[in-house]
N, C-alpha and C. Protein backbone atom coordinates (compact mmCIF):
# COMPACT_ATOMS: atom_id res chain seq x y z
N MET A 1 -35.34 18.86 -7.22
CA MET A 1 -35.36 18.33 -5.88
C MET A 1 -35.91 16.91 -5.94
N ALA A 2 -35.34 16.01 -5.10
CA ALA A 2 -35.77 14.62 -5.09
C ALA A 2 -36.13 14.21 -3.66
N ASP A 3 -37.19 13.40 -3.50
CA ASP A 3 -37.55 12.86 -2.19
C ASP A 3 -36.83 11.53 -2.01
N ILE A 4 -36.11 11.40 -0.91
CA ILE A 4 -35.36 10.17 -0.63
C ILE A 4 -35.60 9.77 0.81
N LYS A 5 -35.94 8.51 1.05
CA LYS A 5 -36.05 8.00 2.41
C LYS A 5 -34.67 7.53 2.84
N LEU A 6 -34.22 7.96 4.02
CA LEU A 6 -32.90 7.57 4.51
C LEU A 6 -32.77 6.06 4.59
N SER A 7 -33.86 5.37 4.94
CA SER A 7 -33.79 3.91 5.06
C SER A 7 -33.60 3.24 3.71
N GLU A 8 -33.83 3.97 2.63
CA GLU A 8 -33.70 3.40 1.29
C GLU A 8 -32.35 3.70 0.65
N ILE A 9 -31.55 4.49 1.32
CA ILE A 9 -30.25 4.84 0.74
C ILE A 9 -29.31 3.65 0.93
N THR A 10 -28.91 3.07 -0.16
CA THR A 10 -27.99 1.93 -0.08
C THR A 10 -26.68 2.22 -0.78
N LYS A 11 -26.54 3.38 -1.39
CA LYS A 11 -25.28 3.72 -2.03
C LYS A 11 -25.04 5.21 -1.88
N GLU A 12 -23.87 5.62 -2.23
CA GLU A 12 -23.48 7.02 -2.10
C GLU A 12 -24.29 7.88 -3.06
N LEU A 13 -24.74 9.04 -2.58
CA LEU A 13 -25.44 9.99 -3.43
C LEU A 13 -24.41 10.91 -4.06
N THR A 14 -24.60 11.20 -5.31
CA THR A 14 -23.70 12.12 -5.98
C THR A 14 -24.51 13.31 -6.47
N THR A 15 -24.02 14.49 -6.24
CA THR A 15 -24.74 15.68 -6.66
C THR A 15 -23.75 16.80 -6.87
N SER A 16 -24.16 17.82 -7.55
CA SER A 16 -23.31 18.99 -7.69
C SER A 16 -23.62 19.96 -6.56
N GLN A 17 -22.75 20.90 -6.36
CA GLN A 17 -22.90 21.83 -5.25
C GLN A 17 -24.20 22.60 -5.34
N GLY A 18 -24.87 22.74 -4.20
CA GLY A 18 -26.08 23.54 -4.13
C GLY A 18 -27.38 22.78 -4.34
N ASN A 19 -27.35 21.51 -4.73
CA ASN A 19 -28.59 20.76 -4.91
C ASN A 19 -29.25 20.51 -3.57
N GLU A 20 -30.58 20.42 -3.58
CA GLU A 20 -31.33 20.16 -2.36
C GLU A 20 -31.99 18.79 -2.45
N PHE A 21 -31.99 18.08 -1.33
CA PHE A 21 -32.71 16.81 -1.22
C PHE A 21 -33.66 16.92 -0.04
N THR A 22 -34.79 16.24 -0.13
CA THR A 22 -35.72 16.16 0.99
C THR A 22 -35.61 14.76 1.57
N TYR A 23 -35.43 14.67 2.86
CA TYR A 23 -35.39 13.34 3.48
C TYR A 23 -36.59 13.19 4.41
N ILE A 24 -37.10 11.98 4.54
CA ILE A 24 -38.30 11.68 5.33
C ILE A 24 -37.87 11.24 6.73
N LEU A 25 -38.35 11.94 7.74
CA LEU A 25 -38.03 11.57 9.12
C LEU A 25 -38.84 10.36 9.56
N ASP A 26 -40.14 10.34 9.28
CA ASP A 26 -41.02 9.25 9.70
C ASP A 26 -42.06 9.03 8.62
N PRO A 27 -41.96 7.98 7.83
CA PRO A 27 -42.90 7.78 6.72
C PRO A 27 -44.33 7.52 7.19
N ASN A 28 -44.52 7.15 8.45
CA ASN A 28 -45.88 6.92 8.98
C ASN A 28 -46.54 8.19 9.47
N ASP A 29 -45.80 9.27 9.60
CA ASP A 29 -46.34 10.54 10.08
C ASP A 29 -46.72 11.37 8.87
N VAL A 30 -47.99 11.62 8.68
CA VAL A 30 -48.46 12.35 7.50
C VAL A 30 -48.94 13.75 7.87
N THR A 31 -48.47 14.27 9.00
CA THR A 31 -48.95 15.57 9.45
C THR A 31 -48.55 16.72 8.53
N ASP A 32 -47.42 16.62 7.89
CA ASP A 32 -46.97 17.72 7.04
C ASP A 32 -47.17 17.47 5.56
N GLY A 33 -47.59 16.31 5.16
CA GLY A 33 -47.77 16.06 3.74
C GLY A 33 -47.93 14.60 3.44
N PRO A 34 -48.10 14.25 2.18
CA PRO A 34 -48.34 12.87 1.79
C PRO A 34 -47.14 11.95 2.00
N ASN A 35 -45.94 12.48 2.10
CA ASN A 35 -44.75 11.65 2.27
C ASN A 35 -44.24 11.63 3.70
N GLY A 36 -45.01 12.13 4.63
CA GLY A 36 -44.59 12.16 6.02
C GLY A 36 -43.95 13.48 6.37
N THR A 37 -43.43 13.57 7.59
CA THR A 37 -42.79 14.79 8.03
C THR A 37 -41.47 14.91 7.29
N SER A 38 -41.30 16.01 6.64
CA SER A 38 -40.08 16.15 5.85
C SER A 38 -39.38 17.46 6.18
N LYS A 39 -38.11 17.45 5.96
CA LYS A 39 -37.30 18.65 6.15
C LYS A 39 -36.35 18.74 4.97
N LYS A 40 -36.07 19.97 4.60
CA LYS A 40 -35.11 20.16 3.52
C LYS A 40 -33.70 20.19 4.10
N MET A 41 -32.82 19.58 3.38
CA MET A 41 -31.43 19.60 3.81
C MET A 41 -30.60 20.07 2.62
N GLN A 42 -29.73 21.00 2.88
CA GLN A 42 -28.87 21.53 1.82
C GLN A 42 -27.59 20.72 1.80
N LEU A 43 -27.25 20.16 0.65
CA LEU A 43 -25.99 19.45 0.50
C LEU A 43 -24.95 20.43 0.00
N SER A 44 -23.85 20.48 0.68
CA SER A 44 -22.75 21.31 0.22
C SER A 44 -21.64 20.38 -0.23
N VAL A 45 -21.33 20.43 -1.47
CA VAL A 45 -20.26 19.60 -2.01
C VAL A 45 -19.03 20.48 -2.12
N SER A 46 -18.12 20.29 -1.17
CA SER A 46 -16.94 21.14 -1.16
C SER A 46 -15.77 20.51 -1.89
N ASP A 47 -15.68 19.18 -1.86
CA ASP A 47 -14.57 18.51 -2.53
C ASP A 47 -15.12 17.55 -3.56
N ALA A 48 -14.64 17.68 -4.78
CA ALA A 48 -15.05 16.72 -5.81
C ALA A 48 -14.38 15.39 -5.52
N LYS A 49 -15.10 14.32 -5.73
CA LYS A 49 -14.54 12.99 -5.50
C LYS A 49 -13.53 12.69 -6.60
N ASP A 50 -12.35 12.29 -6.19
CA ASP A 50 -11.29 12.02 -7.14
C ASP A 50 -10.79 10.61 -6.91
N ASN A 51 -11.07 9.72 -7.84
CA ASN A 51 -10.68 8.33 -7.70
C ASN A 51 -9.37 8.00 -8.39
N THR A 52 -8.64 9.01 -8.83
CA THR A 52 -7.38 8.74 -9.52
C THR A 52 -6.28 8.41 -8.51
N ILE A 53 -5.36 7.58 -8.93
CA ILE A 53 -4.22 7.24 -8.09
C ILE A 53 -3.01 7.95 -8.66
N THR A 54 -2.45 8.82 -7.85
CA THR A 54 -1.25 9.53 -8.27
C THR A 54 -0.17 9.33 -7.21
N ARG A 55 1.06 9.59 -7.58
CA ARG A 55 2.17 9.43 -6.66
C ARG A 55 1.97 10.27 -5.40
N ASP A 56 1.40 11.46 -5.54
CA ASP A 56 1.19 12.35 -4.38
C ASP A 56 0.25 11.74 -3.36
N LYS A 57 -0.66 10.86 -3.78
CA LYS A 57 -1.63 10.26 -2.87
C LYS A 57 -1.11 9.00 -2.18
N LEU A 58 0.02 8.48 -2.65
CA LEU A 58 0.56 7.25 -2.06
C LEU A 58 1.16 7.54 -0.70
N GLY A 59 1.09 6.57 0.19
CA GLY A 59 1.71 6.69 1.48
C GLY A 59 3.22 6.74 1.34
N VAL A 60 3.89 7.30 2.33
CA VAL A 60 5.34 7.44 2.31
C VAL A 60 6.02 6.10 2.03
N GLU A 61 5.50 5.02 2.64
CA GLU A 61 6.15 3.72 2.48
C GLU A 61 6.07 3.20 1.05
N LEU A 62 5.20 3.77 0.22
CA LEU A 62 5.10 3.32 -1.16
C LEU A 62 5.89 4.18 -2.14
N LYS A 63 6.50 5.24 -1.67
CA LYS A 63 7.28 6.07 -2.58
C LYS A 63 8.64 6.46 -2.04
N SER A 64 8.97 6.01 -0.83
CA SER A 64 10.26 6.35 -0.25
C SER A 64 11.34 5.36 -0.65
N ARG A 65 12.54 5.86 -0.75
CA ARG A 65 13.71 5.02 -1.00
C ARG A 65 14.57 5.05 0.25
N VAL A 66 14.93 3.88 0.72
CA VAL A 66 15.79 3.77 1.90
C VAL A 66 17.22 3.57 1.40
N THR A 67 18.12 4.42 1.81
CA THR A 67 19.52 4.32 1.42
C THR A 67 20.34 4.15 2.69
N ALA A 68 21.19 3.10 2.73
CA ALA A 68 21.97 2.86 3.95
C ALA A 68 23.20 2.03 3.66
N ASN A 69 24.23 2.25 4.49
CA ASN A 69 25.37 1.35 4.56
C ASN A 69 25.02 0.32 5.61
N VAL A 70 25.23 -0.96 5.31
CA VAL A 70 24.79 -2.02 6.22
C VAL A 70 25.92 -2.98 6.52
N SER A 71 25.85 -3.58 7.71
CA SER A 71 26.81 -4.60 8.12
C SER A 71 26.23 -5.36 9.30
N GLY A 72 26.81 -6.53 9.58
CA GLY A 72 26.32 -7.32 10.72
C GLY A 72 24.93 -7.86 10.45
N THR A 73 23.94 -7.32 11.13
CA THR A 73 22.54 -7.69 10.91
C THR A 73 21.78 -6.44 10.51
N TYR A 74 21.00 -6.53 9.45
CA TYR A 74 20.22 -5.39 8.99
C TYR A 74 18.78 -5.82 8.79
N ALA A 75 17.85 -5.10 9.45
CA ALA A 75 16.42 -5.38 9.30
C ALA A 75 15.85 -4.55 8.16
N ILE A 76 15.28 -5.23 7.18
CA ILE A 76 14.59 -4.55 6.09
C ILE A 76 13.20 -4.19 6.62
N ASP A 77 13.04 -2.94 7.01
CA ASP A 77 11.78 -2.49 7.61
C ASP A 77 10.80 -2.12 6.51
N ARG A 78 9.83 -3.00 6.29
CA ARG A 78 8.87 -2.82 5.20
C ARG A 78 8.00 -1.58 5.38
N ALA A 79 7.97 -1.01 6.58
CA ALA A 79 7.16 0.20 6.81
C ALA A 79 7.86 1.45 6.29
N LEU A 80 9.14 1.35 5.96
CA LEU A 80 9.89 2.54 5.54
C LEU A 80 9.86 2.79 4.05
N GLY A 81 9.65 1.76 3.26
CA GLY A 81 9.66 1.97 1.82
C GLY A 81 9.59 0.66 1.07
N VAL A 82 9.59 0.75 -0.24
CA VAL A 82 9.60 -0.45 -1.08
C VAL A 82 10.85 -0.53 -1.93
N VAL A 83 11.69 0.50 -1.89
CA VAL A 83 12.95 0.49 -2.62
C VAL A 83 14.07 0.73 -1.61
N TYR A 84 15.05 -0.18 -1.60
CA TYR A 84 16.18 -0.10 -0.68
C TYR A 84 17.46 -0.08 -1.50
N GLU A 85 18.28 0.94 -1.29
CA GLU A 85 19.58 1.01 -1.95
C GLU A 85 20.62 0.83 -0.84
N LEU A 86 21.18 -0.37 -0.76
CA LEU A 86 22.02 -0.76 0.36
C LEU A 86 23.43 -1.09 -0.09
N THR A 87 24.41 -0.62 0.68
CA THR A 87 25.82 -0.93 0.42
C THR A 87 26.34 -1.68 1.63
N MET A 88 26.79 -2.91 1.41
CA MET A 88 27.36 -3.69 2.50
C MET A 88 28.79 -3.22 2.76
N THR A 89 29.08 -2.97 4.03
CA THR A 89 30.44 -2.59 4.44
C THR A 89 31.12 -3.75 5.18
N ALA A 90 30.37 -4.84 5.34
CA ALA A 90 30.87 -6.09 5.93
C ALA A 90 29.83 -7.16 5.61
N ASN A 91 30.14 -8.42 5.89
CA ASN A 91 29.13 -9.47 5.69
C ASN A 91 27.87 -9.08 6.45
N THR A 92 26.70 -9.32 5.82
CA THR A 92 25.45 -8.85 6.41
C THR A 92 24.39 -9.93 6.37
N THR A 93 23.73 -10.13 7.50
CA THR A 93 22.58 -11.02 7.59
C THR A 93 21.33 -10.15 7.60
N PHE A 94 20.45 -10.38 6.64
CA PHE A 94 19.24 -9.58 6.50
C PHE A 94 18.07 -10.26 7.20
N THR A 95 17.24 -9.45 7.83
CA THR A 95 16.00 -9.92 8.46
C THR A 95 14.87 -9.03 7.96
N ASP A 96 13.64 -9.47 8.19
CA ASP A 96 12.47 -8.67 7.84
C ASP A 96 11.91 -8.01 9.08
N SER A 97 11.45 -6.80 8.91
CA SER A 97 10.74 -6.09 9.97
C SER A 97 9.46 -5.56 9.35
N ASN A 98 8.36 -5.66 10.08
CA ASN A 98 7.05 -5.21 9.60
C ASN A 98 6.63 -5.91 8.31
N LEU A 99 6.90 -7.21 8.25
CA LEU A 99 6.44 -8.02 7.12
C LEU A 99 4.92 -8.00 7.11
N VAL A 100 4.32 -7.97 5.94
CA VAL A 100 2.87 -7.93 5.85
C VAL A 100 2.26 -9.17 6.52
N THR A 101 0.98 -9.05 6.91
CA THR A 101 0.31 -10.15 7.58
C THR A 101 -0.87 -10.63 6.75
N GLY A 102 -1.42 -11.75 7.18
CA GLY A 102 -2.56 -12.32 6.46
C GLY A 102 -2.12 -12.78 5.09
N THR A 103 -3.04 -12.73 4.16
CA THR A 103 -2.72 -13.15 2.80
C THR A 103 -2.31 -11.96 1.94
N THR A 104 -1.95 -10.87 2.59
CA THR A 104 -1.50 -9.68 1.88
C THR A 104 -0.19 -9.97 1.16
N THR A 105 -0.05 -9.44 -0.05
CA THR A 105 1.19 -9.59 -0.80
C THR A 105 1.94 -8.27 -0.81
N GLU A 106 3.23 -8.33 -1.09
CA GLU A 106 4.03 -7.11 -1.13
C GLU A 106 5.30 -7.38 -1.91
N ASP A 107 5.71 -6.43 -2.72
CA ASP A 107 6.96 -6.52 -3.47
C ASP A 107 7.90 -5.45 -2.95
N ILE A 108 9.17 -5.79 -2.82
CA ILE A 108 10.18 -4.78 -2.52
C ILE A 108 11.33 -4.96 -3.50
N LEU A 109 12.06 -3.89 -3.71
CA LEU A 109 13.18 -3.89 -4.63
C LEU A 109 14.42 -3.47 -3.84
N ILE A 110 15.47 -4.26 -3.94
CA ILE A 110 16.71 -3.96 -3.24
C ILE A 110 17.84 -3.85 -4.25
N LEU A 111 18.55 -2.73 -4.21
CA LEU A 111 19.78 -2.57 -4.98
C LEU A 111 20.90 -2.76 -3.97
N LEU A 112 21.64 -3.87 -4.10
CA LEU A 112 22.63 -4.25 -3.10
C LEU A 112 24.01 -4.29 -3.72
N SER A 113 24.97 -3.66 -3.05
CA SER A 113 26.35 -3.68 -3.52
C SER A 113 27.29 -3.87 -2.34
N GLY A 114 28.54 -4.11 -2.65
CA GLY A 114 29.56 -4.32 -1.62
C GLY A 114 30.17 -5.70 -1.77
N ALA A 115 31.50 -5.76 -1.68
CA ALA A 115 32.21 -7.02 -1.88
C ALA A 115 32.23 -7.86 -0.60
N PHE A 116 31.02 -8.16 -0.12
CA PHE A 116 30.87 -8.96 1.10
C PHE A 116 29.79 -10.00 0.86
N VAL A 117 29.49 -10.80 1.84
CA VAL A 117 28.54 -11.90 1.69
C VAL A 117 27.19 -11.53 2.32
N PRO A 118 26.13 -11.51 1.49
CA PRO A 118 24.79 -11.28 2.07
C PRO A 118 24.16 -12.62 2.47
N THR A 119 23.44 -12.62 3.56
CA THR A 119 22.67 -13.80 3.97
C THR A 119 21.23 -13.35 4.16
N PHE A 120 20.34 -13.95 3.38
CA PHE A 120 18.93 -13.59 3.44
C PHE A 120 18.19 -14.55 4.37
N PRO A 121 17.01 -14.16 4.85
CA PRO A 121 16.26 -15.04 5.76
C PRO A 121 16.07 -16.43 5.15
N ALA A 122 16.09 -17.45 5.99
CA ALA A 122 15.98 -18.84 5.53
C ALA A 122 14.67 -19.09 4.78
N TYR A 123 13.62 -18.36 5.13
CA TYR A 123 12.33 -18.56 4.46
C TYR A 123 12.25 -17.85 3.11
N TRP A 124 13.23 -17.05 2.74
CA TRP A 124 13.27 -16.46 1.41
C TRP A 124 13.72 -17.55 0.44
N GLU A 125 12.89 -17.84 -0.53
CA GLU A 125 13.21 -18.87 -1.52
C GLU A 125 13.70 -18.21 -2.81
N VAL A 126 14.91 -18.58 -3.22
CA VAL A 126 15.50 -17.99 -4.41
C VAL A 126 14.88 -18.62 -5.66
N MET A 127 14.60 -17.79 -6.66
CA MET A 127 14.05 -18.28 -7.92
C MET A 127 15.16 -18.94 -8.73
N PRO A 128 14.83 -20.01 -9.44
CA PRO A 128 15.84 -20.73 -10.22
C PRO A 128 16.56 -19.87 -11.25
N SER A 129 15.94 -18.82 -11.74
CA SER A 129 16.55 -17.98 -12.78
C SER A 129 17.49 -16.92 -12.20
N SER A 130 17.71 -16.94 -10.90
CA SER A 130 18.56 -15.93 -10.25
C SER A 130 20.03 -16.17 -10.55
N GLU A 131 20.79 -15.09 -10.47
CA GLU A 131 22.23 -15.16 -10.59
C GLU A 131 22.83 -15.16 -9.18
N ALA A 132 24.08 -15.52 -9.07
CA ALA A 132 24.77 -15.47 -7.78
C ALA A 132 25.12 -14.02 -7.47
N TYR A 133 25.13 -13.66 -6.20
CA TYR A 133 25.50 -12.31 -5.81
C TYR A 133 26.91 -12.01 -6.28
N ASP A 134 27.12 -10.81 -6.84
CA ASP A 134 28.43 -10.37 -7.32
C ASP A 134 28.77 -9.07 -6.61
N GLY A 135 29.75 -9.11 -5.72
CA GLY A 135 30.14 -7.93 -4.95
C GLY A 135 30.79 -6.84 -5.75
N GLY A 136 31.13 -7.11 -7.03
CA GLY A 136 31.78 -6.11 -7.87
C GLY A 136 30.81 -5.20 -8.61
N VAL A 137 29.53 -5.52 -8.58
CA VAL A 137 28.52 -4.72 -9.28
C VAL A 137 27.31 -4.53 -8.36
N ARG A 138 26.40 -3.68 -8.81
CA ARG A 138 25.12 -3.59 -8.08
C ARG A 138 24.28 -4.79 -8.45
N ASN A 139 23.56 -5.29 -7.48
CA ASN A 139 22.69 -6.44 -7.67
C ASN A 139 21.25 -6.02 -7.42
N LEU A 140 20.38 -6.37 -8.34
CA LEU A 140 18.96 -6.05 -8.21
C LEU A 140 18.26 -7.27 -7.62
N ILE A 141 17.61 -7.08 -6.48
CA ILE A 141 16.87 -8.16 -5.83
C ILE A 141 15.42 -7.74 -5.74
N ILE A 142 14.56 -8.55 -6.30
CA ILE A 142 13.13 -8.31 -6.20
C ILE A 142 12.58 -9.39 -5.28
N ALA A 143 12.07 -8.98 -4.13
CA ALA A 143 11.53 -9.92 -3.15
C ALA A 143 10.01 -9.76 -3.11
N ILE A 144 9.32 -10.86 -3.29
CA ILE A 144 7.86 -10.86 -3.36
C ILE A 144 7.31 -11.66 -2.19
N THR A 145 6.55 -11.01 -1.34
CA THR A 145 5.90 -11.71 -0.23
C THR A 145 4.56 -12.22 -0.76
N ILE A 146 4.42 -13.53 -0.79
CA ILE A 146 3.20 -14.17 -1.29
C ILE A 146 2.16 -14.24 -0.18
N ASN A 147 2.61 -14.54 1.03
CA ASN A 147 1.69 -14.68 2.16
C ASN A 147 2.47 -14.35 3.43
N GLY A 148 2.19 -13.19 4.03
CA GLY A 148 2.93 -12.74 5.20
C GLY A 148 2.82 -13.67 6.38
N ASP A 149 1.67 -14.32 6.58
CA ASP A 149 1.50 -15.18 7.76
C ASP A 149 2.40 -16.41 7.73
N THR A 150 2.74 -16.88 6.54
CA THR A 150 3.58 -18.07 6.45
C THR A 150 5.01 -17.73 6.06
N ASN A 151 5.35 -16.43 6.05
CA ASN A 151 6.68 -15.98 5.63
C ASN A 151 7.04 -16.58 4.27
N ASN A 152 6.09 -16.61 3.37
CA ASN A 152 6.31 -17.14 2.04
C ASN A 152 6.83 -16.02 1.15
N VAL A 153 8.16 -15.93 1.04
CA VAL A 153 8.81 -14.89 0.25
C VAL A 153 9.68 -15.55 -0.80
N ILE A 154 9.53 -15.12 -2.05
CA ILE A 154 10.42 -15.58 -3.11
C ILE A 154 11.20 -14.37 -3.62
N TYR A 155 12.42 -14.62 -4.11
CA TYR A 155 13.19 -13.49 -4.62
C TYR A 155 14.02 -13.89 -5.82
N GLN A 156 14.32 -12.88 -6.63
CA GLN A 156 15.17 -13.06 -7.79
C GLN A 156 16.30 -12.05 -7.69
N LEU A 157 17.51 -12.50 -7.99
CA LEU A 157 18.68 -11.64 -7.95
C LEU A 157 19.28 -11.58 -9.34
N GLN A 158 19.53 -10.35 -9.81
CA GLN A 158 20.15 -10.13 -11.11
C GLN A 158 21.32 -9.17 -10.94
N ASN A 159 22.45 -9.48 -11.57
CA ASN A 159 23.61 -8.60 -11.54
C ASN A 159 23.42 -7.49 -12.56
N LEU A 160 23.70 -6.26 -12.16
CA LEU A 160 23.59 -5.12 -13.07
C LEU A 160 24.99 -4.77 -13.57
N GLN A 161 25.06 -4.07 -14.66
CA GLN A 161 26.35 -3.70 -15.25
C GLN A 161 27.05 -2.60 -14.49
N THR A 162 26.26 -1.74 -13.83
CA THR A 162 26.89 -0.59 -13.13
C THR A 162 26.54 -0.61 -11.66
């Protein structure tokens, strides 16, 4: 058993199930003993703390794949996922929806196909190493949001063989 003053707790206490701690209600009150009025409190540890990151713990938007046929104007809704498998059925102008804010960064991956013309937002800056869109194959587009508040997005496009 350990005596701990609540006012002195500056970090999380870790203990195994069933351990007892004594906490001090008033350190100036010595009526019940040398450490003030004290009461025993039983800690029940029901869930072990797990700091591991697994796919099961990720939010839906970090593990979902959005699959759609697109045409006209299509909003890439960042709240739905980070992987988009899109087939253009006509020329398509892409917009962003739920773009991150502040200085938060975010990466999305788009697999785009269809023998039509894609138009990306004007603030998307293409990387010099990108290839031109090829409607005869799937195209891998990696779009990286550097700063959501300034719509600072860069992207790279690569043609895939299949």
